[in-house]
Amino acid sequence: MTAQPAAWPHLATVTTTLRHTVRLVHASTGASVRGLGAHLEPALRGWSLRVLPDVLVVSARADAPTPASPPKAVVTLTDGALADVLVLPALADRAPRTLVVDLTTADVQHLVHPVPMTLTVVLTTPSTGVPRTGATVTARATSGPNPKPTVPLPEVSPGTYRSAAREWTAAFTPLDVLVGGDPLRTLSMDFSTVTTRVHLVDTT
């Protein structure tokens, strides 16, 4: 008697399609916000959400039903220090540091704005290092319409000049520090803290 080889089991295949990518983008720097947790709402049969370092990926099986309305990505910032320097309005019945993003397009970019921040410039004179007092100090945007937007930095103590707290938009990323209307230094805000402080020698 001849033994017949056993038949290979039939393996079902499932096709999965990319439906959405979601990026949280810092409105001033254009960088992707990292340190996220997320889930789909509502939970849908055959749909899944993966959290990668700088993007959320939403996929669905080919046989998954199409929802009557687009689902939402409920995103929570897991980095508390980062969340403290971003505008994240509290949402009713939601955990702190949570955003709800509508999945209405294939590639979703959700802007997240920084909280108001101050810029402090400490000016000293060349050689002597004594405070440079009585100067007119301004921050000027490096992009945008002409004339470029400016922000005054009034003197708050001898040689120390500080702006009011404000949102430093993409136009000020980076920015020029002017003394008496003359450029002194190009610099960038530190968006990890609410106060950027720099020491400069007045060579204008």
N, C-alpha and C. Protein backbone atom coordinates (compact mmCIF):
# COMPACT_ATOMS: atom_id res chain seq x y z
N MET A 1 0.86 -1.18 0.00
CA MET A 1 0.00 0.00 0.00
C MET A 1 0.89 1.23 0.00
N THR A 2 0.53 2.20 -0.87
CA THR A 2 1.32 3.43 -0.98
C THR A 2 0.65 4.53 -0.19
N ALA A 3 1.42 5.16 0.71
CA ALA A 3 0.87 6.27 1.51
C ALA A 3 0.84 7.54 0.67
N GLN A 4 -0.25 8.24 0.73
CA GLN A 4 -0.39 9.51 0.04
C GLN A 4 0.11 10.65 0.93
N PRO A 5 0.84 11.61 0.36
CA PRO A 5 1.31 12.74 1.19
C PRO A 5 0.12 13.54 1.72
N ALA A 6 0.28 14.00 2.95
CA ALA A 6 -0.78 14.80 3.56
C ALA A 6 -0.92 16.12 2.80
N ALA A 7 -2.15 16.52 2.62
CA ALA A 7 -2.40 17.80 1.94
C ALA A 7 -2.00 18.96 2.84
N TRP A 8 -1.41 20.00 2.24
CA TRP A 8 -1.06 21.19 3.01
C TRP A 8 -2.34 21.90 3.43
N PRO A 9 -2.40 22.38 4.67
CA PRO A 9 -3.59 23.13 5.09
C PRO A 9 -3.72 24.42 4.29
N HIS A 10 -4.95 24.80 4.04
CA HIS A 10 -5.21 26.04 3.30
C HIS A 10 -5.04 27.24 4.24
N LEU A 11 -4.19 28.15 3.84
CA LEU A 11 -3.95 29.35 4.64
C LEU A 11 -4.72 30.52 4.03
N ALA A 12 -5.60 31.10 4.82
CA ALA A 12 -6.36 32.25 4.34
C ALA A 12 -5.46 33.48 4.33
N THR A 13 -5.65 34.33 3.38
CA THR A 13 -4.89 35.58 3.30
C THR A 13 -5.83 36.75 3.53
N VAL A 14 -5.31 37.74 4.20
CA VAL A 14 -6.09 38.94 4.50
C VAL A 14 -5.31 40.14 3.99
N THR A 15 -5.95 40.97 3.22
CA THR A 15 -5.32 42.19 2.70
C THR A 15 -5.64 43.35 3.63
N THR A 16 -4.60 44.05 4.03
CA THR A 16 -4.76 45.22 4.90
C THR A 16 -4.37 46.46 4.12
N THR A 17 -5.17 47.50 4.23
CA THR A 17 -4.95 48.74 3.48
C THR A 17 -4.68 49.89 4.43
N LEU A 18 -3.69 50.70 4.07
CA LEU A 18 -3.43 51.92 4.83
C LEU A 18 -4.55 52.91 4.57
N ARG A 19 -5.19 53.36 5.62
CA ARG A 19 -6.30 54.30 5.48
C ARG A 19 -5.91 55.74 5.83
N HIS A 20 -5.13 55.91 6.88
CA HIS A 20 -4.78 57.27 7.33
C HIS A 20 -3.39 57.27 7.96
N THR A 21 -2.69 58.38 7.78
CA THR A 21 -1.53 58.69 8.61
C THR A 21 -1.83 60.00 9.33
N VAL A 22 -1.42 60.07 10.58
CA VAL A 22 -1.71 61.25 11.40
C VAL A 22 -0.40 61.74 12.00
N ARG A 23 -0.12 63.01 11.81
CA ARG A 23 1.05 63.63 12.43
C ARG A 23 0.62 64.84 13.24
N LEU A 24 1.10 64.92 14.46
CA LEU A 24 0.95 66.14 15.25
C LEU A 24 2.18 66.99 14.96
N VAL A 25 1.96 68.20 14.48
CA VAL A 25 3.05 69.05 14.01
C VAL A 25 3.13 70.31 14.87
N HIS A 26 4.34 70.61 15.37
CA HIS A 26 4.56 71.84 16.13
C HIS A 26 4.37 73.02 15.19
N ALA A 27 3.48 73.93 15.54
CA ALA A 27 3.11 75.01 14.63
C ALA A 27 4.25 75.97 14.36
N SER A 28 5.22 76.09 15.26
CA SER A 28 6.32 77.03 15.07
C SER A 28 7.54 76.40 14.42
N THR A 29 7.88 75.18 14.81
CA THR A 29 9.09 74.55 14.28
C THR A 29 8.82 73.64 13.09
N GLY A 30 7.58 73.18 12.93
CA GLY A 30 7.26 72.24 11.87
C GLY A 30 7.68 70.81 12.17
N ALA A 31 8.21 70.58 13.37
CA ALA A 31 8.66 69.23 13.74
C ALA A 31 7.48 68.39 14.20
N SER A 32 7.59 67.08 13.96
CA SER A 32 6.56 66.16 14.44
C SER A 32 6.66 66.03 15.95
N VAL A 33 5.51 66.05 16.61
CA VAL A 33 5.45 65.88 18.06
C VAL A 33 5.57 64.39 18.37
N ARG A 34 6.45 64.04 19.30
CA ARG A 34 6.67 62.64 19.67
C ARG A 34 6.16 62.39 21.09
N GLY A 35 6.20 61.12 21.48
CA GLY A 35 5.73 60.76 22.81
C GLY A 35 4.22 60.73 22.88
N LEU A 36 3.61 59.84 22.10
CA LEU A 36 2.16 59.81 21.96
C LEU A 36 1.59 58.44 22.32
N GLY A 37 0.39 58.46 22.82
CA GLY A 37 -0.43 57.26 22.93
C GLY A 37 -1.73 57.56 22.19
N ALA A 38 -2.36 56.56 21.59
CA ALA A 38 -3.55 56.84 20.78
C ALA A 38 -4.40 55.59 20.62
N HIS A 39 -5.67 55.83 20.36
CA HIS A 39 -6.58 54.75 20.01
C HIS A 39 -7.68 55.30 19.10
N LEU A 40 -8.36 54.39 18.41
CA LEU A 40 -9.45 54.79 17.53
C LEU A 40 -10.75 54.90 18.31
N GLU A 41 -11.55 55.83 17.90
CA GLU A 41 -12.88 55.98 18.50
C GLU A 41 -13.89 56.30 17.40
N PRO A 42 -14.93 55.47 17.24
CA PRO A 42 -15.17 54.24 18.01
C PRO A 42 -14.24 53.12 17.56
N ALA A 43 -14.16 52.06 18.37
CA ALA A 43 -13.42 50.88 17.96
C ALA A 43 -14.17 50.21 16.82
N LEU A 44 -13.46 49.90 15.74
CA LEU A 44 -14.10 49.36 14.53
C LEU A 44 -13.54 47.98 14.23
N ARG A 45 -14.42 47.06 13.88
CA ARG A 45 -14.00 45.70 13.52
C ARG A 45 -13.13 45.75 12.28
N GLY A 46 -11.95 45.15 12.39
CA GLY A 46 -11.03 45.08 11.26
C GLY A 46 -10.14 46.30 11.09
N TRP A 47 -10.29 47.29 11.96
CA TRP A 47 -9.46 48.49 11.90
C TRP A 47 -8.41 48.45 13.01
N SER A 48 -7.26 49.07 12.77
CA SER A 48 -6.21 49.11 13.78
C SER A 48 -5.45 50.43 13.69
N LEU A 49 -4.84 50.80 14.80
CA LEU A 49 -4.02 52.01 14.86
C LEU A 49 -2.69 51.64 15.48
N ARG A 50 -1.60 52.00 14.80
CA ARG A 50 -0.25 51.79 15.32
C ARG A 50 0.39 53.13 15.62
N VAL A 51 1.09 53.19 16.76
CA VAL A 51 1.80 54.40 17.16
C VAL A 51 3.28 54.20 16.84
N LEU A 52 3.78 54.94 15.85
CA LEU A 52 5.20 54.95 15.52
C LEU A 52 5.82 56.20 16.14
N PRO A 53 7.15 56.33 16.13
CA PRO A 53 7.77 57.45 16.85
C PRO A 53 7.23 58.83 16.47
N ASP A 54 6.95 59.06 15.18
CA ASP A 54 6.52 60.41 14.80
C ASP A 54 5.26 60.42 13.93
N VAL A 55 4.55 59.30 13.89
CA VAL A 55 3.34 59.24 13.06
C VAL A 55 2.41 58.15 13.61
N LEU A 56 1.12 58.37 13.44
CA LEU A 56 0.12 57.35 13.75
C LEU A 56 -0.33 56.74 12.42
N VAL A 57 -0.44 55.43 12.39
CA VAL A 57 -0.81 54.73 11.16
C VAL A 57 -2.11 53.98 11.41
N VAL A 58 -3.12 54.29 10.61
CA VAL A 58 -4.43 53.65 10.72
C VAL A 58 -4.63 52.75 9.50
N SER A 59 -4.89 51.47 9.76
CA SER A 59 -5.09 50.51 8.68
C SER A 59 -6.41 49.78 8.88
N ALA A 60 -6.90 49.19 7.80
CA ALA A 60 -8.14 48.42 7.88
C ALA A 60 -8.05 47.22 6.95
N ARG A 61 -8.63 46.10 7.37
CA ARG A 61 -8.71 44.94 6.51
C ARG A 61 -9.63 45.22 5.34
N ALA A 62 -9.37 44.52 4.24
CA ALA A 62 -10.17 44.74 3.04
C ALA A 62 -11.63 44.37 3.27
N ASP A 63 -11.87 43.42 4.17
CA ASP A 63 -13.24 43.00 4.41
C ASP A 63 -13.91 43.76 5.57
N ALA A 64 -13.21 44.77 6.09
CA ALA A 64 -13.78 45.54 7.20
C ALA A 64 -14.88 46.46 6.68
N PRO A 65 -15.97 46.59 7.40
CA PRO A 65 -17.04 47.48 6.94
C PRO A 65 -16.61 48.93 6.98
N THR A 66 -17.13 49.70 6.05
CA THR A 66 -16.86 51.14 6.03
C THR A 66 -17.77 51.84 7.03
N PRO A 67 -17.21 52.60 7.96
CA PRO A 67 -18.05 53.25 8.97
C PRO A 67 -18.95 54.31 8.35
N ALA A 68 -20.09 54.56 8.99
CA ALA A 68 -21.02 55.57 8.49
C ALA A 68 -20.42 56.96 8.53
N SER A 69 -19.54 57.21 9.49
CA SER A 69 -18.85 58.50 9.58
C SER A 69 -17.40 58.25 9.91
N PRO A 70 -16.50 59.17 9.53
CA PRO A 70 -15.07 58.92 9.77
C PRO A 70 -14.77 58.73 11.25
N PRO A 71 -13.91 57.79 11.57
CA PRO A 71 -13.53 57.61 12.97
C PRO A 71 -12.61 58.75 13.42
N LYS A 72 -12.29 58.74 14.69
CA LYS A 72 -11.41 59.76 15.27
C LYS A 72 -10.22 59.06 15.91
N ALA A 73 -9.09 59.76 15.90
CA ALA A 73 -7.93 59.32 16.66
C ALA A 73 -7.88 60.12 17.95
N VAL A 74 -7.96 59.42 19.06
CA VAL A 74 -7.86 60.06 20.37
C VAL A 74 -6.41 59.94 20.81
N VAL A 75 -5.72 61.07 20.86
CA VAL A 75 -4.27 61.10 21.06
C VAL A 75 -3.96 61.73 22.41
N THR A 76 -3.10 61.08 23.17
CA THR A 76 -2.66 61.59 24.47
C THR A 76 -1.15 61.76 24.45
N LEU A 77 -0.69 62.94 24.85
CA LEU A 77 0.75 63.16 24.96
C LEU A 77 1.25 62.50 26.24
N THR A 78 2.19 61.60 26.09
CA THR A 78 2.72 60.87 27.24
C THR A 78 3.91 61.59 27.88
N ASP A 79 4.45 62.58 27.19
CA ASP A 79 5.58 63.36 27.71
C ASP A 79 5.02 64.60 28.41
N GLY A 80 4.97 64.56 29.74
CA GLY A 80 4.37 65.66 30.49
C GLY A 80 5.12 66.96 30.33
N ALA A 81 6.46 66.91 30.25
CA ALA A 81 7.25 68.14 30.09
C ALA A 81 6.94 68.80 28.75
N LEU A 82 6.79 68.00 27.70
CA LEU A 82 6.44 68.55 26.40
C LEU A 82 5.03 69.12 26.42
N ALA A 83 4.11 68.41 27.05
CA ALA A 83 2.73 68.87 27.10
C ALA A 83 2.62 70.22 27.79
N ASP A 84 3.50 70.50 28.76
CA ASP A 84 3.44 71.76 29.50
C ASP A 84 3.75 72.97 28.62
N VAL A 85 4.42 72.78 27.50
CA VAL A 85 4.78 73.92 26.64
C VAL A 85 3.98 73.93 25.34
N LEU A 86 2.88 73.18 25.31
CA LEU A 86 1.98 73.18 24.16
C LEU A 86 0.58 73.55 24.62
N VAL A 87 -0.17 74.17 23.72
CA VAL A 87 -1.55 74.54 24.02
C VAL A 87 -2.43 73.31 23.82
N LEU A 88 -2.93 72.77 24.92
CA LEU A 88 -3.76 71.57 24.88
C LEU A 88 -5.01 71.85 25.71
N PRO A 89 -6.04 72.43 25.10
CA PRO A 89 -7.26 72.75 25.86
C PRO A 89 -7.85 71.50 26.51
N ALA A 90 -8.32 71.67 27.73
CA ALA A 90 -8.96 70.55 28.42
C ALA A 90 -10.25 70.17 27.71
N LEU A 91 -10.47 68.89 27.56
CA LEU A 91 -11.67 68.36 26.91
C LEU A 91 -12.53 67.65 27.95
N ALA A 92 -13.82 67.92 27.92
CA ALA A 92 -14.74 67.30 28.87
C ALA A 92 -14.69 65.78 28.74
N ASP A 93 -14.65 65.11 29.87
CA ASP A 93 -14.67 63.65 29.94
C ASP A 93 -13.48 63.00 29.23
N ARG A 94 -12.38 63.75 29.13
CA ARG A 94 -11.17 63.20 28.52
C ARG A 94 -10.02 63.29 29.52
N ALA A 95 -9.03 62.44 29.34
CA ALA A 95 -7.83 62.51 30.16
C ALA A 95 -7.07 63.79 29.85
N PRO A 96 -6.31 64.31 30.80
CA PRO A 96 -5.48 65.50 30.50
C PRO A 96 -4.52 65.22 29.35
N ARG A 97 -4.14 66.29 28.66
CA ARG A 97 -3.16 66.23 27.56
C ARG A 97 -3.68 65.40 26.38
N THR A 98 -5.00 65.47 26.15
CA THR A 98 -5.62 64.67 25.09
C THR A 98 -6.12 65.57 23.96
N LEU A 99 -5.93 65.10 22.73
CA LEU A 99 -6.44 65.75 21.53
C LEU A 99 -7.31 64.74 20.79
N VAL A 100 -8.34 65.22 20.13
CA VAL A 100 -9.19 64.37 19.30
C VAL A 100 -9.06 64.85 17.86
N VAL A 101 -8.60 63.97 16.99
CA VAL A 101 -8.31 64.32 15.61
C VAL A 101 -9.28 63.59 14.69
N ASP A 102 -10.03 64.32 13.88
CA ASP A 102 -10.95 63.73 12.91
C ASP A 102 -10.17 63.14 11.74
N LEU A 103 -10.47 61.92 11.38
CA LEU A 103 -9.78 61.25 10.26
C LEU A 103 -10.59 61.45 8.99
N THR A 104 -10.53 62.66 8.47
CA THR A 104 -11.33 63.01 7.30
C THR A 104 -10.53 62.97 6.00
N THR A 105 -9.21 62.89 6.07
CA THR A 105 -8.37 62.79 4.88
C THR A 105 -7.34 61.69 5.09
N ALA A 106 -6.71 61.27 4.00
CA ALA A 106 -5.74 60.18 4.10
C ALA A 106 -4.51 60.60 4.90
N ASP A 107 -4.03 61.82 4.68
CA ASP A 107 -2.84 62.31 5.37
C ASP A 107 -3.27 63.49 6.24
N VAL A 108 -3.31 63.28 7.55
CA VAL A 108 -3.79 64.29 8.48
C VAL A 108 -2.59 64.92 9.19
N GLN A 109 -2.51 66.25 9.13
CA GLN A 109 -1.50 66.98 9.89
C GLN A 109 -2.22 67.93 10.82
N HIS A 110 -2.07 67.69 12.11
CA HIS A 110 -2.78 68.47 13.13
C HIS A 110 -1.77 69.40 13.81
N LEU A 111 -1.97 70.71 13.64
CA LEU A 111 -1.04 71.68 14.22
C LEU A 111 -1.28 71.81 15.72
N VAL A 112 -0.18 71.83 16.47
CA VAL A 112 -0.22 72.05 17.91
C VAL A 112 0.63 73.29 18.20
N HIS A 113 0.02 74.29 18.84
CA HIS A 113 0.69 75.57 19.06
C HIS A 113 1.43 75.59 20.39
N PRO A 114 2.55 76.34 20.45
CA PRO A 114 3.25 76.49 21.72
C PRO A 114 2.52 77.47 22.63
N VAL A 115 2.74 77.33 23.93
CA VAL A 115 2.19 78.28 24.89
C VAL A 115 2.94 79.60 24.77
N PRO A 116 2.38 80.69 25.30
CA PRO A 116 3.12 81.96 25.29
C PRO A 116 4.47 81.83 26.01
N MET A 117 5.49 82.41 25.41
CA MET A 117 6.86 82.32 25.94
C MET A 117 7.52 83.69 25.89
N THR A 118 8.51 83.88 26.75
CA THR A 118 9.26 85.13 26.76
C THR A 118 10.67 84.92 26.23
N LEU A 119 11.22 85.99 25.67
CA LEU A 119 12.62 86.01 25.24
C LEU A 119 13.35 87.07 26.06
N THR A 120 14.42 86.66 26.73
CA THR A 120 15.23 87.58 27.52
C THR A 120 16.62 87.66 26.91
N VAL A 121 17.08 88.88 26.66
CA VAL A 121 18.42 89.12 26.13
C VAL A 121 19.19 89.93 27.16
N VAL A 122 20.32 89.38 27.60
CA VAL A 122 21.21 90.09 28.52
C VAL A 122 22.37 90.63 27.70
N LEU A 123 22.48 91.96 27.63
CA LEU A 123 23.50 92.62 26.80
C LEU A 123 24.65 93.12 27.66
N THR A 124 25.86 92.86 27.20
CA THR A 124 27.04 93.44 27.84
C THR A 124 27.86 94.18 26.80
N THR A 125 28.73 95.06 27.28
CA THR A 125 29.58 95.84 26.37
C THR A 125 30.86 95.07 26.08
N PRO A 126 31.45 95.28 24.90
CA PRO A 126 32.69 94.58 24.58
C PRO A 126 33.80 94.91 25.57
N SER A 127 34.68 93.97 25.79
CA SER A 127 35.89 94.12 26.61
C SER A 127 35.57 94.24 28.09
N THR A 128 34.73 95.23 28.47
CA THR A 128 34.49 95.45 29.89
C THR A 128 33.50 94.45 30.48
N GLY A 129 32.52 93.99 29.69
CA GLY A 129 31.52 93.06 30.19
C GLY A 129 30.48 93.69 31.09
N VAL A 130 30.47 95.02 31.19
CA VAL A 130 29.45 95.67 32.02
C VAL A 130 28.14 95.68 31.27
N PRO A 131 27.01 95.76 31.98
CA PRO A 131 25.71 95.76 31.30
C PRO A 131 25.58 96.89 30.29
N ARG A 132 25.03 96.55 29.15
CA ARG A 132 24.75 97.56 28.10
C ARG A 132 23.36 98.09 28.37
N THR A 133 23.27 99.28 28.91
CA THR A 133 21.99 99.85 29.29
C THR A 133 21.49 100.84 28.24
N GLY A 134 20.19 101.12 28.32
CA GLY A 134 19.59 102.15 27.48
C GLY A 134 19.48 101.82 26.01
N ALA A 135 19.58 100.55 25.64
CA ALA A 135 19.50 100.17 24.23
C ALA A 135 18.05 99.93 23.82
N THR A 136 17.82 100.01 22.53
CA THR A 136 16.52 99.64 21.97
C THR A 136 16.69 98.26 21.34
N VAL A 137 16.07 97.26 21.96
CA VAL A 137 16.25 95.87 21.54
C VAL A 137 14.92 95.34 21.01
N THR A 138 14.97 94.72 19.86
CA THR A 138 13.78 94.12 19.27
C THR A 138 14.14 92.76 18.68
N ALA A 139 13.12 91.92 18.58
CA ALA A 139 13.24 90.64 17.87
C ALA A 139 12.50 90.79 16.55
N ARG A 140 13.13 90.41 15.46
CA ARG A 140 12.51 90.56 14.14
C ARG A 140 12.38 89.19 13.48
N ALA A 141 11.21 88.96 12.88
CA ALA A 141 10.98 87.71 12.17
C ALA A 141 11.92 87.60 10.98
N THR A 142 12.26 86.38 10.62
CA THR A 142 13.12 86.16 9.45
C THR A 142 12.31 85.78 8.21
N SER A 143 11.00 85.66 8.37
CA SER A 143 10.14 85.38 7.21
C SER A 143 8.85 86.16 7.37
N GLY A 144 8.04 86.13 6.32
CA GLY A 144 6.78 86.87 6.37
C GLY A 144 6.83 88.12 5.51
N PRO A 145 5.80 88.93 5.61
CA PRO A 145 5.71 90.13 4.76
C PRO A 145 6.74 91.18 5.14
N ASN A 146 7.03 92.06 4.21
CA ASN A 146 7.89 93.21 4.49
C ASN A 146 7.04 94.43 4.80
N PRO A 147 7.35 95.23 5.82
CA PRO A 147 8.47 94.97 6.74
C PRO A 147 8.19 93.78 7.64
N LYS A 148 9.25 93.09 8.04
CA LYS A 148 9.10 91.90 8.87
C LYS A 148 8.50 92.27 10.23
N PRO A 149 7.63 91.40 10.76
CA PRO A 149 7.08 91.66 12.10
C PRO A 149 8.19 91.74 13.15
N THR A 150 7.99 92.58 14.14
CA THR A 150 8.96 92.74 15.22
C THR A 150 8.27 92.65 16.57
N VAL A 151 9.05 92.32 17.59
CA VAL A 151 8.57 92.24 18.97
C VAL A 151 9.53 93.05 19.83
N PRO A 152 9.04 94.04 20.58
CA PRO A 152 9.94 94.83 21.42
C PRO A 152 10.40 94.06 22.65
N LEU A 153 11.61 94.32 23.05
CA LEU A 153 12.16 93.76 24.29
C LEU A 153 12.57 94.94 25.18
N PRO A 154 11.66 95.45 26.00
CA PRO A 154 12.00 96.58 26.85
C PRO A 154 13.01 96.19 27.94
N GLU A 155 13.76 97.17 28.41
CA GLU A 155 14.75 96.91 29.46
C GLU A 155 14.04 96.75 30.80
N VAL A 156 14.25 95.62 31.45
CA VAL A 156 13.58 95.33 32.72
C VAL A 156 14.51 95.48 33.92
N SER A 157 15.80 95.47 33.68
CA SER A 157 16.82 95.76 34.68
C SER A 157 18.08 96.13 33.89
N PRO A 158 19.08 96.73 34.52
CA PRO A 158 20.24 97.20 33.75
C PRO A 158 20.84 96.12 32.85
N GLY A 159 20.76 96.34 31.54
CA GLY A 159 21.34 95.43 30.57
C GLY A 159 20.51 94.21 30.26
N THR A 160 19.32 94.09 30.87
CA THR A 160 18.46 92.93 30.64
C THR A 160 17.19 93.37 29.94
N TYR A 161 16.89 92.75 28.81
CA TYR A 161 15.76 93.13 27.97
C TYR A 161 14.87 91.91 27.79
N ARG A 162 13.55 92.11 27.99
CA ARG A 162 12.64 90.96 27.97
C ARG A 162 11.36 91.30 27.23
N SER A 163 10.92 90.36 26.40
CA SER A 163 9.65 90.51 25.70
C SER A 163 8.49 90.16 26.62
N ALA A 164 7.30 90.56 26.22
CA ALA A 164 6.10 90.04 26.87
C ALA A 164 5.92 88.58 26.44
N ALA A 165 5.18 87.81 27.23
CA ALA A 165 4.90 86.42 26.85
C ALA A 165 3.99 86.42 25.63
N ARG A 166 4.35 85.63 24.63
CA ARG A 166 3.59 85.58 23.39
C ARG A 166 3.86 84.27 22.68
N GLU A 167 3.03 83.98 21.67
CA GLU A 167 3.32 82.83 20.81
C GLU A 167 4.34 83.26 19.77
N TRP A 168 5.45 82.56 19.75
CA TRP A 168 6.48 82.82 18.74
C TRP A 168 6.18 81.91 17.54
N THR A 169 5.65 82.52 16.51
CA THR A 169 5.16 81.76 15.35
C THR A 169 6.31 81.29 14.47
N ALA A 170 5.95 80.57 13.42
CA ALA A 170 6.96 80.06 12.50
C ALA A 170 7.76 81.18 11.85
N ALA A 171 7.16 82.37 11.73
CA ALA A 171 7.89 83.51 11.15
C ALA A 171 9.10 83.89 11.98
N PHE A 172 9.07 83.60 13.29
CA PHE A 172 10.16 83.93 14.19
C PHE A 172 11.07 82.72 14.47
N THR A 173 11.00 81.73 13.61
CA THR A 173 11.81 80.52 13.78
C THR A 173 12.72 80.34 12.58
N PRO A 174 13.97 80.89 12.62
CA PRO A 174 14.57 81.63 13.72
C PRO A 174 14.19 83.10 13.70
N LEU A 175 14.83 83.90 14.57
CA LEU A 175 14.58 85.34 14.64
C LEU A 175 15.90 86.09 14.71
N ASP A 176 15.84 87.38 14.35
CA ASP A 176 17.01 88.26 14.44
C ASP A 176 16.86 89.17 15.64
N VAL A 177 17.92 89.30 16.44
CA VAL A 177 17.94 90.27 17.53
C VAL A 177 18.57 91.54 17.00
N LEU A 178 17.84 92.64 17.12
CA LEU A 178 18.31 93.94 16.66
C LEU A 178 18.60 94.83 17.87
N VAL A 179 19.69 95.57 17.79
CA VAL A 179 20.01 96.58 18.81
C VAL A 179 20.12 97.92 18.10
N GLY A 180 19.22 98.82 18.47
CA GLY A 180 19.19 100.11 17.79
C GLY A 180 18.88 99.97 16.31
N GLY A 181 18.17 98.94 15.93
CA GLY A 181 17.81 98.70 14.53
C GLY A 181 18.83 97.93 13.74
N ASP A 182 19.99 97.64 14.33
CA ASP A 182 21.05 96.90 13.64
C ASP A 182 21.05 95.44 14.07
N PRO A 183 21.20 94.51 13.14
CA PRO A 183 21.22 93.08 13.50
C PRO A 183 22.43 92.74 14.37
N LEU A 184 22.19 92.00 15.43
CA LEU A 184 23.28 91.56 16.32
C LEU A 184 23.48 90.05 16.22
N ARG A 185 22.40 89.27 16.27
CA ARG A 185 22.53 87.82 16.27
C ARG A 185 21.23 87.20 15.78
N THR A 186 21.36 86.08 15.05
CA THR A 186 20.20 85.26 14.69
C THR A 186 20.15 84.09 15.66
N LEU A 187 18.99 83.86 16.24
CA LEU A 187 18.87 82.78 17.21
C LEU A 187 17.50 82.14 17.13
N SER A 188 17.34 81.03 17.82
CA SER A 188 16.06 80.31 17.85
C SER A 188 15.55 80.23 19.28
N MET A 189 14.24 80.27 19.42
CA MET A 189 13.63 80.08 20.72
C MET A 189 13.84 78.64 21.18
N ASP A 190 13.94 78.47 22.50
CA ASP A 190 13.98 77.15 23.08
C ASP A 190 12.55 76.76 23.43
N PHE A 191 11.93 75.94 22.59
CA PHE A 191 10.52 75.61 22.77
C PHE A 191 10.28 74.54 23.83
N SER A 192 11.32 74.14 24.54
CA SER A 192 11.15 73.19 25.63
C SER A 192 10.93 73.90 26.97
N THR A 193 10.96 75.23 26.97
CA THR A 193 10.77 75.99 28.19
C THR A 193 10.01 77.27 27.87
N VAL A 194 9.38 77.87 28.88
CA VAL A 194 8.59 79.08 28.62
C VAL A 194 9.46 80.33 28.60
N THR A 195 10.73 80.22 28.95
CA THR A 195 11.63 81.38 28.94
C THR A 195 12.92 81.02 28.24
N THR A 196 13.22 81.73 27.15
CA THR A 196 14.52 81.61 26.49
C THR A 196 15.37 82.79 26.93
N ARG A 197 16.56 82.50 27.45
CA ARG A 197 17.44 83.55 27.96
C ARG A 197 18.80 83.41 27.28
N VAL A 198 19.29 84.50 26.69
CA VAL A 198 20.58 84.49 26.00
C VAL A 198 21.43 85.65 26.48
N HIS A 199 22.73 85.44 26.49
CA HIS A 199 23.70 86.50 26.85
C HIS A 199 24.44 86.88 25.58
N LEU A 200 24.43 88.15 25.24
CA LEU A 200 25.07 88.62 24.01
C LEU A 200 25.97 89.83 24.32
N VAL A 201 27.03 89.93 23.57
CA VAL A 201 27.90 91.10 23.63
C VAL A 201 27.44 92.06 22.52
N ASP A 202 27.19 93.31 22.89
CA ASP A 202 26.71 94.29 21.92
C ASP A 202 27.86 94.78 21.05
N THR A 203 27.94 94.24 19.84
CA THR A 203 28.97 94.64 18.89
C THR A 203 28.41 95.52 17.78
N THR A 204 27.19 96.01 17.94
CA THR A 204 26.60 96.83 16.88
C THR A 204 27.23 98.22 16.87
